[in-house]
Amino acid sequence: MINMFEKFLTAINFDLLEDEVSKSAYIWILGEFGAHIELAPYILERMIKINMEFRNVEVTKALLLALLKLFFVRAPEVKNMLGQFF
């Protein structure tokens, strides 16, 4: 079941999400379930780069919380992303 869920989440194109609420919700899911989603840190890394261009407050807050959640379960993969984020 989780494998199907993971495939669905990793197939979502972040660029096609139009509003801040949907982007923030997608980021929240990746942060909350990132321990089970193998590509979650790398999807968030791409979102950091995209958000640097637009600088939306809600998306930035969601990214920070998701990265911090992931840091506690996957620190080696996320520590450089946190530095890049700040």
PDB file of N, CA and C in Angstrom:
ATOM      1  N   MET A   1       0.819  -1.200   0.000  1.00  0.00           N
ATOM      2  CA  MET A   1       0.000   0.000   0.000  1.00  0.00           C
ATOM      3  C   MET A   1       0.863   1.264   0.000  1.00  0.00           C
ATOM      4  N   ILE A   2       1.890   1.288   0.835  1.00  0.00           N
ATOM      5  CA  ILE A   2       2.752   2.469   0.900  1.00  0.00           C
ATOM      6  C   ILE A   2       3.497   2.663  -0.414  1.00  0.00           C
ATOM      7  N   ASN A   3       3.881   1.584  -1.072  1.00  0.00           N
ATOM      8  CA  ASN A   3       4.596   1.684  -2.333  1.00  0.00           C
ATOM      9  C   ASN A   3       3.748   2.394  -3.387  1.00  0.00           C
ATOM     10  N   MET A   4       2.447   2.088  -3.456  1.00  0.00           N
ATOM     11  CA  MET A   4       1.557   2.740  -4.403  1.00  0.00           C
ATOM     12  C   MET A   4       1.402   4.221  -4.040  1.00  0.00           C
ATOM     13  N   PHE A   5       1.284   4.507  -2.758  1.00  0.00           N
ATOM     14  CA  PHE A   5       1.182   5.871  -2.262  1.00  0.00           C
ATOM     15  C   PHE A   5       2.440   6.667  -2.615  1.00  0.00           C
ATOM     16  N   GLU A   6       3.600   6.026  -2.436  1.00  0.00           N
ATOM     17  CA  GLU A   6       4.874   6.673  -2.749  1.00  0.00           C
ATOM     18  C   GLU A   6       4.983   6.988  -4.232  1.00  0.00           C
ATOM     19  N   LYS A   7       4.593   6.060  -5.087  1.00  0.00           N
ATOM     20  CA  LYS A   7       4.647   6.289  -6.534  1.00  0.00           C
ATOM     21  C   LYS A   7       3.754   7.456  -6.938  1.00  0.00           C
ATOM     22  N   PHE A   8       2.584   7.532  -6.334  1.00  0.00           N
ATOM     23  CA  PHE A   8       1.669   8.629  -6.642  1.00  0.00           C
ATOM     24  C   PHE A   8       2.265   9.974  -6.232  1.00  0.00           C
ATOM     25  N   LEU A   9       2.804  10.039  -5.025  1.00  0.00           N
ATOM     26  CA  LEU A   9       3.347  11.306  -4.525  1.00  0.00           C
ATOM     27  C   LEU A   9       4.581  11.763  -5.293  1.00  0.00           C
ATOM     28  N   THR A  10       5.423  10.836  -5.682  1.00  0.00           N
ATOM     29  CA  THR A  10       6.630  11.226  -6.403  1.00  0.00           C
ATOM     30  C   THR A  10       6.343  11.576  -7.860  1.00  0.00           C
ATOM     31  N   ALA A  11       5.180  11.195  -8.357  1.00  0.00           N
ATOM     32  CA  ALA A  11       4.822  11.512  -9.744  1.00  0.00           C
ATOM     33  C   ALA A  11       4.189  12.893  -9.885  1.00  0.00           C
ATOM     34  N   ILE A  12       3.834  13.515  -8.781  1.00  0.00           N
ATOM     35  CA  ILE A  12       3.203  14.840  -8.840  1.00  0.00           C
ATOM     36  C   ILE A  12       4.230  15.876  -9.293  1.00  0.00           C
ATOM     37  N   ASN A  13       3.833  16.692 -10.244  1.00  0.00           N
ATOM     38  CA  ASN A  13       4.702  17.753 -10.749  1.00  0.00           C
ATOM     39  C   ASN A  13       4.424  19.021  -9.938  1.00  0.00           C
ATOM     40  N   PHE A  14       5.387  19.447  -9.159  1.00  0.00           N
ATOM     41  CA  PHE A  14       5.233  20.608  -8.279  1.00  0.00           C
ATOM     42  C   PHE A  14       4.919  21.872  -9.078  1.00  0.00           C
ATOM     43  N   ASP A  15       5.429  21.959 -10.294  1.00  0.00           N
ATOM     44  CA  ASP A  15       5.201  23.146 -11.124  1.00  0.00           C
ATOM     45  C   ASP A  15       3.738  23.291 -11.530  1.00  0.00           C
ATOM     46  N   LEU A  16       3.003  22.182 -11.563  1.00  0.00           N
ATOM     47  CA  LEU A  16       1.603  22.236 -11.966  1.00  0.00           C
ATOM     48  C   LEU A  16       0.660  22.606 -10.827  1.00  0.00           C
ATOM     49  N   LEU A  17       1.147  22.576  -9.608  1.00  0.00           N
ATOM     50  CA  LEU A  17       0.334  23.007  -8.470  1.00  0.00           C
ATOM     51  C   LEU A  17       0.269  24.526  -8.505  1.00  0.00           C
ATOM     52  N   GLU A  18      -0.934  25.066  -8.610  1.00  0.00           N
ATOM     53  CA  GLU A  18      -1.073  26.493  -8.890  1.00  0.00           C
ATOM     54  C   GLU A  18      -1.091  27.395  -7.663  1.00  0.00           C
ATOM     55  N   ASP A  19      -1.803  26.991  -6.623  1.00  0.00           N
ATOM     56  CA  ASP A  19      -1.912  27.904  -5.484  1.00  0.00           C
ATOM     57  C   ASP A  19      -1.024  27.476  -4.325  1.00  0.00           C
ATOM     58  N   GLU A  20      -0.839  28.397  -3.405  1.00  0.00           N
ATOM     59  CA  GLU A  20       0.065  28.170  -2.282  1.00  0.00           C
ATOM     60  C   GLU A  20      -0.452  27.094  -1.331  1.00  0.00           C
ATOM     61  N   VAL A  21      -1.764  26.977  -1.218  1.00  0.00           N
ATOM     62  CA  VAL A  21      -2.340  25.987  -0.312  1.00  0.00           C
ATOM     63  C   VAL A  21      -2.020  24.572  -0.794  1.00  0.00           C
ATOM     64  N   SER A  22      -2.161  24.330  -2.085  1.00  0.00           N
ATOM     65  CA  SER A  22      -1.876  22.993  -2.600  1.00  0.00           C
ATOM     66  C   SER A  22      -0.378  22.683  -2.525  1.00  0.00           C
ATOM     67  N   LYS A  23       0.463  23.656  -2.784  1.00  0.00           N
ATOM     68  CA  LYS A  23       1.907  23.454  -2.664  1.00  0.00           C
ATOM     69  C   LYS A  23       2.288  23.157  -1.215  1.00  0.00           C
ATOM     70  N   SER A  24       1.731  23.932  -0.297  1.00  0.00           N
ATOM     71  CA  SER A  24       2.026  23.727   1.120  1.00  0.00           C
ATOM     72  C   SER A  24       1.538  22.364   1.599  1.00  0.00           C
ATOM     73  N   ALA A  25       0.370  21.940   1.119  1.00  0.00           N
ATOM     74  CA  ALA A  25      -0.167  20.635   1.514  1.00  0.00           C
ATOM     75  C   ALA A  25       0.714  19.505   1.002  1.00  0.00           C
ATOM     76  N   TYR A  26       1.182  19.621  -0.224  1.00  0.00           N
ATOM     77  CA  TYR A  26       2.074  18.607  -0.800  1.00  0.00           C
ATOM     78  C   TYR A  26       3.383  18.537  -0.011  1.00  0.00           C
ATOM     79  N   ILE A  27       3.918  19.682   0.330  1.00  0.00           N
ATOM     80  CA  ILE A  27       5.151  19.738   1.121  1.00  0.00           C
ATOM     81  C   ILE A  27       4.921  19.131   2.502  1.00  0.00           C
ATOM     82  N   TRP A  28       3.769  19.422   3.111  1.00  0.00           N
ATOM     83  CA  TRP A  28       3.458  18.865   4.428  1.00  0.00           C
ATOM     84  C   TRP A  28       3.433  17.339   4.373  1.00  0.00           C
ATOM     85  N   ILE A  29       2.804  16.795   3.343  1.00  0.00           N
ATOM     86  CA  ILE A  29       2.740  15.335   3.199  1.00  0.00           C
ATOM     87  C   ILE A  29       4.137  14.752   3.087  1.00  0.00           C
ATOM     88  N   LEU A  30       4.990  15.388   2.301  1.00  0.00           N
ATOM     89  CA  LEU A  30       6.363  14.890   2.157  1.00  0.00           C
ATOM     90  C   LEU A  30       7.132  14.968   3.476  1.00  0.00           C
ATOM     91  N   GLY A  31       6.890  16.008   4.257  1.00  0.00           N
ATOM     92  CA  GLY A  31       7.558  16.124   5.548  1.00  0.00           C
ATOM     93  C   GLY A  31       7.022  15.137   6.572  1.00  0.00           C
ATOM     94  N   GLU A  32       5.723  14.958   6.567  1.00  0.00           N
ATOM     95  CA  GLU A  32       5.082  14.085   7.542  1.00  0.00           C
ATOM     96  C   GLU A  32       5.386  12.608   7.291  1.00  0.00           C
ATOM     97  N   PHE A  33       5.392  12.222   6.027  1.00  0.00           N
ATOM     98  CA  PHE A  33       5.597  10.816   5.674  1.00  0.00           C
ATOM     99  C   PHE A  33       6.936  10.580   4.985  1.00  0.00           C
ATOM    100  N   GLY A  34       7.854  11.508   5.122  1.00  0.00           N
ATOM    101  CA  GLY A  34       9.145  11.434   4.455  1.00  0.00           C
ATOM    102  C   GLY A  34      10.001  10.251   4.849  1.00  0.00           C
ATOM    103  N   ALA A  35       9.764   9.706   6.025  1.00  0.00           N
ATOM    104  CA  ALA A  35      10.519   8.525   6.452  1.00  0.00           C
ATOM    105  C   ALA A  35      10.164   7.318   5.595  1.00  0.00           C
ATOM    106  N   HIS A  36       8.974   7.330   5.005  1.00  0.00           N
ATOM    107  CA  HIS A  36       8.506   6.213   4.189  1.00  0.00           C
ATOM    108  C   HIS A  36       8.609   6.479   2.695  1.00  0.00           C
ATOM    109  N   ILE A  37       8.874   7.720   2.315  1.00  0.00           N
ATOM    110  CA  ILE A  37       8.962   8.090   0.905  1.00  0.00           C
ATOM    111  C   ILE A  37      10.436   8.296   0.573  1.00  0.00           C
ATOM    112  N   GLU A  38      10.986   7.395  -0.194  1.00  0.00           N
ATOM    113  CA  GLU A  38      12.425   7.387  -0.463  1.00  0.00           C
ATOM    114  C   GLU A  38      12.924   8.685  -1.098  1.00  0.00           C
ATOM    115  N   LEU A  39      12.160   9.258  -1.997  1.00  0.00           N
ATOM    116  CA  LEU A  39      12.605  10.445  -2.726  1.00  0.00           C
ATOM    117  C   LEU A  39      12.206  11.768  -2.073  1.00  0.00           C
ATOM    118  N   ALA A  40      11.582  11.732  -0.917  1.00  0.00           N
ATOM    119  CA  ALA A  40      11.078  12.955  -0.273  1.00  0.00           C
ATOM    120  C   ALA A  40      12.144  14.044  -0.098  1.00  0.00           C
ATOM    121  N   PRO A  41      13.329  13.735   0.419  1.00  0.00           N
ATOM    122  CA  PRO A  41      14.314  14.817   0.578  1.00  0.00           C
ATOM    123  C   PRO A  41      14.723  15.458  -0.749  1.00  0.00           C
ATOM    124  N   TYR A  42      14.766  14.668  -1.790  1.00  0.00           N
ATOM    125  CA  TYR A  42      15.222  15.177  -3.079  1.00  0.00           C
ATOM    126  C   TYR A  42      14.134  15.987  -3.783  1.00  0.00           C
ATOM    127  N   ILE A  43      12.882  15.620  -3.541  1.00  0.00           N
ATOM    128  CA  ILE A  43      11.775  16.430  -4.047  1.00  0.00           C
ATOM    129  C   ILE A  43      11.763  17.770  -3.318  1.00  0.00           C
ATOM    130  N   LEU A  44      11.964  17.737  -2.010  1.00  0.00           N
ATOM    131  CA  LEU A  44      12.009  18.985  -1.244  1.00  0.00           C
ATOM    132  C   LEU A  44      13.193  19.853  -1.647  1.00  0.00           C
ATOM    133  N   GLU A  45      14.312  19.228  -1.988  1.00  0.00           N
ATOM    134  CA  GLU A  45      15.478  19.996  -2.431  1.00  0.00           C
ATOM    135  C   GLU A  45      15.152  20.781  -3.700  1.00  0.00           C
ATOM    136  N   ARG A  46      14.446  20.151  -4.604  1.00  0.00           N
ATOM    137  CA  ARG A  46      14.033  20.841  -5.833  1.00  0.00           C
ATOM    138  C   ARG A  46      13.072  21.979  -5.510  1.00  0.00           C
ATOM    139  N   MET A  47      12.182  21.755  -4.548  1.00  0.00           N
ATOM    140  CA  MET A  47      11.223  22.789  -4.155  1.00  0.00           C
ATOM    141  C   MET A  47      11.916  23.989  -3.521  1.00  0.00           C
ATOM    142  N   ILE A  48      13.008  23.743  -2.815  1.00  0.00           N
ATOM    143  CA  ILE A  48      13.775  24.849  -2.237  1.00  0.00           C
ATOM    144  C   ILE A  48      14.260  25.763  -3.349  1.00  0.00           C
ATOM    145  N   LYS A  49      14.795  25.172  -4.407  1.00  0.00           N
ATOM    146  CA  LYS A  49      15.304  25.967  -5.526  1.00  0.00           C
ATOM    147  C   LYS A  49      14.193  26.736  -6.215  1.00  0.00           C
ATOM    148  N   ILE A  50      13.036  26.106  -6.379  1.00  0.00           N
ATOM    149  CA  ILE A  50      11.901  26.780  -7.012  1.00  0.00           C
ATOM    150  C   ILE A  50      11.392  27.903  -6.128  1.00  0.00           C
ATOM    151  N   ASN A  51      11.309  27.671  -4.828  1.00  0.00           N
ATOM    152  CA  ASN A  51      10.792  28.680  -3.911  1.00  0.00           C
ATOM    153  C   ASN A  51      11.736  29.876  -3.783  1.00  0.00           C
ATOM    154  N   MET A  52      13.019  29.678  -3.991  1.00  0.00           N
ATOM    155  CA  MET A  52      13.973  30.796  -3.927  1.00  0.00           C
ATOM    156  C   MET A  52      13.610  31.868  -4.949  1.00  0.00           C
ATOM    157  N   GLU A  53      13.017  31.449  -6.067  1.00  0.00           N
ATOM    158  CA  GLU A  53      12.640  32.399  -7.112  1.00  0.00           C
ATOM    159  C   GLU A  53      11.377  33.170  -6.747  1.00  0.00           C
ATOM    160  N   PHE A  54      10.410  32.493  -6.104  1.00  0.00           N
ATOM    161  CA  PHE A  54       9.112  33.117  -5.871  1.00  0.00           C
ATOM    162  C   PHE A  54       8.945  33.687  -4.473  1.00  0.00           C
ATOM    163  N   ARG A  55       9.592  33.113  -3.501  1.00  0.00           N
ATOM    164  CA  ARG A  55       9.586  33.595  -2.114  1.00  0.00           C
ATOM    165  C   ARG A  55       8.179  33.774  -1.540  1.00  0.00           C
ATOM    166  N   ASN A  56       7.402  32.730  -1.547  1.00  0.00           N
ATOM    167  CA  ASN A  56       6.082  32.765  -0.944  1.00  0.00           C
ATOM    168  C   ASN A  56       6.201  32.378   0.519  1.00  0.00           C
ATOM    169  N   VAL A  57       5.568  33.139   1.403  1.00  0.00           N
ATOM    170  CA  VAL A  57       5.705  32.927   2.842  1.00  0.00           C
ATOM    171  C   VAL A  57       5.128  31.581   3.273  1.00  0.00           C
ATOM    172  N   GLU A  58       3.951  31.241   2.796  1.00  0.00           N
ATOM    173  CA  GLU A  58       3.313  29.980   3.202  1.00  0.00           C
ATOM    174  C   GLU A  58       4.118  28.773   2.746  1.00  0.00           C
ATOM    175  N   VAL A  59       4.599  28.822   1.525  1.00  0.00           N
ATOM    176  CA  VAL A  59       5.390  27.710   0.992  1.00  0.00           C
ATOM    177  C   VAL A  59       6.726  27.622   1.720  1.00  0.00           C
ATOM    178  N   THR A  60       7.332  28.753   2.022  1.00  0.00           N
ATOM    179  CA  THR A  60       8.595  28.775   2.753  1.00  0.00           C
ATOM    180  C   THR A  60       8.426  28.174   4.146  1.00  0.00           C
ATOM    181  N   LYS A  61       7.344  28.519   4.819  1.00  0.00           N
ATOM    182  CA  LYS A  61       7.064  27.975   6.152  1.00  0.00           C
ATOM    183  C   LYS A  61       6.857  26.460   6.086  1.00  0.00           C
ATOM    184  N   ALA A  62       6.109  26.011   5.087  1.00  0.00           N
ATOM    185  CA  ALA A  62       5.870  24.574   4.926  1.00  0.00           C
ATOM    186  C   ALA A  62       7.172  23.835   4.632  1.00  0.00           C
ATOM    187  N   LEU A  63       8.029  24.433   3.804  1.00  0.00           N
ATOM    188  CA  LEU A  63       9.324  23.822   3.495  1.00  0.00           C
ATOM    189  C   LEU A  63      10.194  23.706   4.743  1.00  0.00           C
ATOM    190  N   LEU A  64      10.231  24.755   5.533  1.00  0.00           N
ATOM    191  CA  LEU A  64      11.040  24.722   6.750  1.00  0.00           C
ATOM    192  C   LEU A  64      10.567  23.622   7.698  1.00  0.00           C
ATOM    193  N   LEU A  65       9.275  23.539   7.906  1.00  0.00           N
ATOM    194  CA  LEU A  65       8.738  22.515   8.807  1.00  0.00           C
ATOM    195  C   LEU A  65       8.983  21.109   8.265  1.00  0.00           C
ATOM    196  N   ALA A  66       8.797  20.923   6.966  1.00  0.00           N
ATOM    197  CA  ALA A  66       9.019  19.602   6.366  1.00  0.00           C
ATOM    198  C   ALA A  66      10.486  19.204   6.459  1.00  0.00           C
ATOM    199  N   LEU A  67      11.385  20.144   6.206  1.00  0.00           N
ATOM    200  CA  LEU A  67      12.817  19.833   6.299  1.00  0.00           C
ATOM    201  C   LEU A  67      13.224  19.495   7.731  1.00  0.00           C
ATOM    202  N   LEU A  68      12.669  20.210   8.694  1.00  0.00           N
ATOM    203  CA  LEU A  68      12.991  19.917  10.093  1.00  0.00           C
ATOM    204  C   LEU A  68      12.459  18.545  10.502  1.00  0.00           C
ATOM    205  N   LYS A  69      11.245  18.205  10.069  1.00  0.00           N
ATOM    206  CA  LYS A  69      10.702  16.877  10.368  1.00  0.00           C
ATOM    207  C   LYS A  69      11.575  15.786   9.765  1.00  0.00           C
ATOM    208  N   LEU A  70      11.970  15.990   8.522  1.00  0.00           N
ATOM    209  CA  LEU A  70      12.812  14.992   7.856  1.00  0.00           C
ATOM    210  C   LEU A  70      14.199  14.919   8.467  1.00  0.00           C
ATOM    211  N   PHE A  71      14.688  16.024   8.965  1.00  0.00           N
ATOM    212  CA  PHE A  71      16.014  16.024   9.572  1.00  0.00           C
ATOM    213  C   PHE A  71      16.097  15.054  10.741  1.00  0.00           C
ATOM    214  N   PHE A  72      15.024  14.941  11.494  1.00  0.00           N
ATOM    215  CA  PHE A  72      15.036  14.062  12.661  1.00  0.00           C
ATOM    216  C   PHE A  72      14.971  12.585  12.302  1.00  0.00           C
ATOM    217  N   VAL A  73      14.565  12.257  11.085  1.00  0.00           N
ATOM    218  CA  VAL A  73      14.512  10.845  10.692  1.00  0.00           C
ATOM    219  C   VAL A  73      15.531  10.494   9.609  1.00  0.00           C
ATOM    220  N   ARG A  74      16.010  11.509   8.867  1.00  0.00           N
ATOM    221  CA  ARG A  74      16.963  11.257   7.783  1.00  0.00           C
ATOM    222  C   ARG A  74      18.012  12.364   7.734  1.00  0.00           C
ATOM    223  N   ALA A  75      18.682  12.556   8.829  1.00  0.00           N
ATOM    224  CA  ALA A  75      19.627  13.666   8.988  1.00  0.00           C
ATOM    225  C   ALA A  75      20.731  13.716   7.934  1.00  0.00           C
ATOM    226  N   PRO A  76      21.395  12.617   7.588  1.00  0.00           N
ATOM    227  CA  PRO A  76      22.492  12.725   6.618  1.00  0.00           C
ATOM    228  C   PRO A  76      22.055  13.277   5.261  1.00  0.00           C
ATOM    229  N   GLU A  77      20.829  12.964   4.867  1.00  0.00           N
ATOM    230  CA  GLU A  77      20.351  13.429   3.571  1.00  0.00           C
ATOM    231  C   GLU A  77      19.860  14.869   3.614  1.00  0.00           C
ATOM    232  N   VAL A  78      19.416  15.327   4.763  1.00  0.00           N
ATOM    233  CA  VAL A  78      18.730  16.612   4.853  1.00  0.00           C
ATOM    234  C   VAL A  78      19.606  17.743   5.381  1.00  0.00           C
ATOM    235  N   LYS A  79      20.705  17.431   6.060  1.00  0.00           N
ATOM    236  CA  LYS A  79      21.466  18.508   6.718  1.00  0.00           C
ATOM    237  C   LYS A  79      22.008  19.535   5.729  1.00  0.00           C
ATOM    238  N   ASN A  80      22.451  19.127   4.568  1.00  0.00           N
ATOM    239  CA  ASN A  80      22.930  20.094   3.572  1.00  0.00           C
ATOM    240  C   ASN A  80      21.798  20.925   2.994  1.00  0.00           C
ATOM    241  N   MET A  81      20.639  20.316   2.875  1.00  0.00           N
ATOM    242  CA  MET A  81      19.467  21.050   2.363  1.00  0.00           C
ATOM    243  C   MET A  81      19.034  22.123   3.336  1.00  0.00           C
ATOM    244  N   LEU A  82      19.116  21.841   4.637  1.00  0.00           N
ATOM    245  CA  LEU A  82      18.779  22.859   5.629  1.00  0.00           C
ATOM    246  C   LEU A  82      19.730  24.047   5.531  1.00  0.00           C
ATOM    247  N   GLY A  83      21.004  23.763   5.357  1.00  0.00           N
ATOM    248  CA  GLY A  83      21.970  24.839   5.166  1.00  0.00           C
ATOM    249  C   GLY A  83      21.684  25.641   3.911  1.00  0.00           C
ATOM    250  N   GLN A  84      21.330  24.968   2.852  1.00  0.00           N
ATOM    251  CA  GLN A  84      20.994  25.628   1.588  1.00  0.00           C
ATOM    252  C   GLN A  84      19.722  26.476   1.763  1.00  0.00           C
ATOM    253  N   PHE A  85      18.781  25.966   2.539  1.00  0.00           N
ATOM    254  CA  PHE A  85      17.523  26.661   2.765  1.00  0.00           C
ATOM    255  C   PHE A  85      17.759  27.980   3.499  1.00  0.00           C
ATOM    256  N   PHE A  86      18.631  27.944   4.531  1.00  0.00           N
ATOM    257  CA  PHE A  86      18.887  29.160   5.296  1.00  0.00           C
ATOM    258  C   PHE A  86      19.817  30.077   4.551  1.00  0.00           C
TER     259      PHE A  86
END
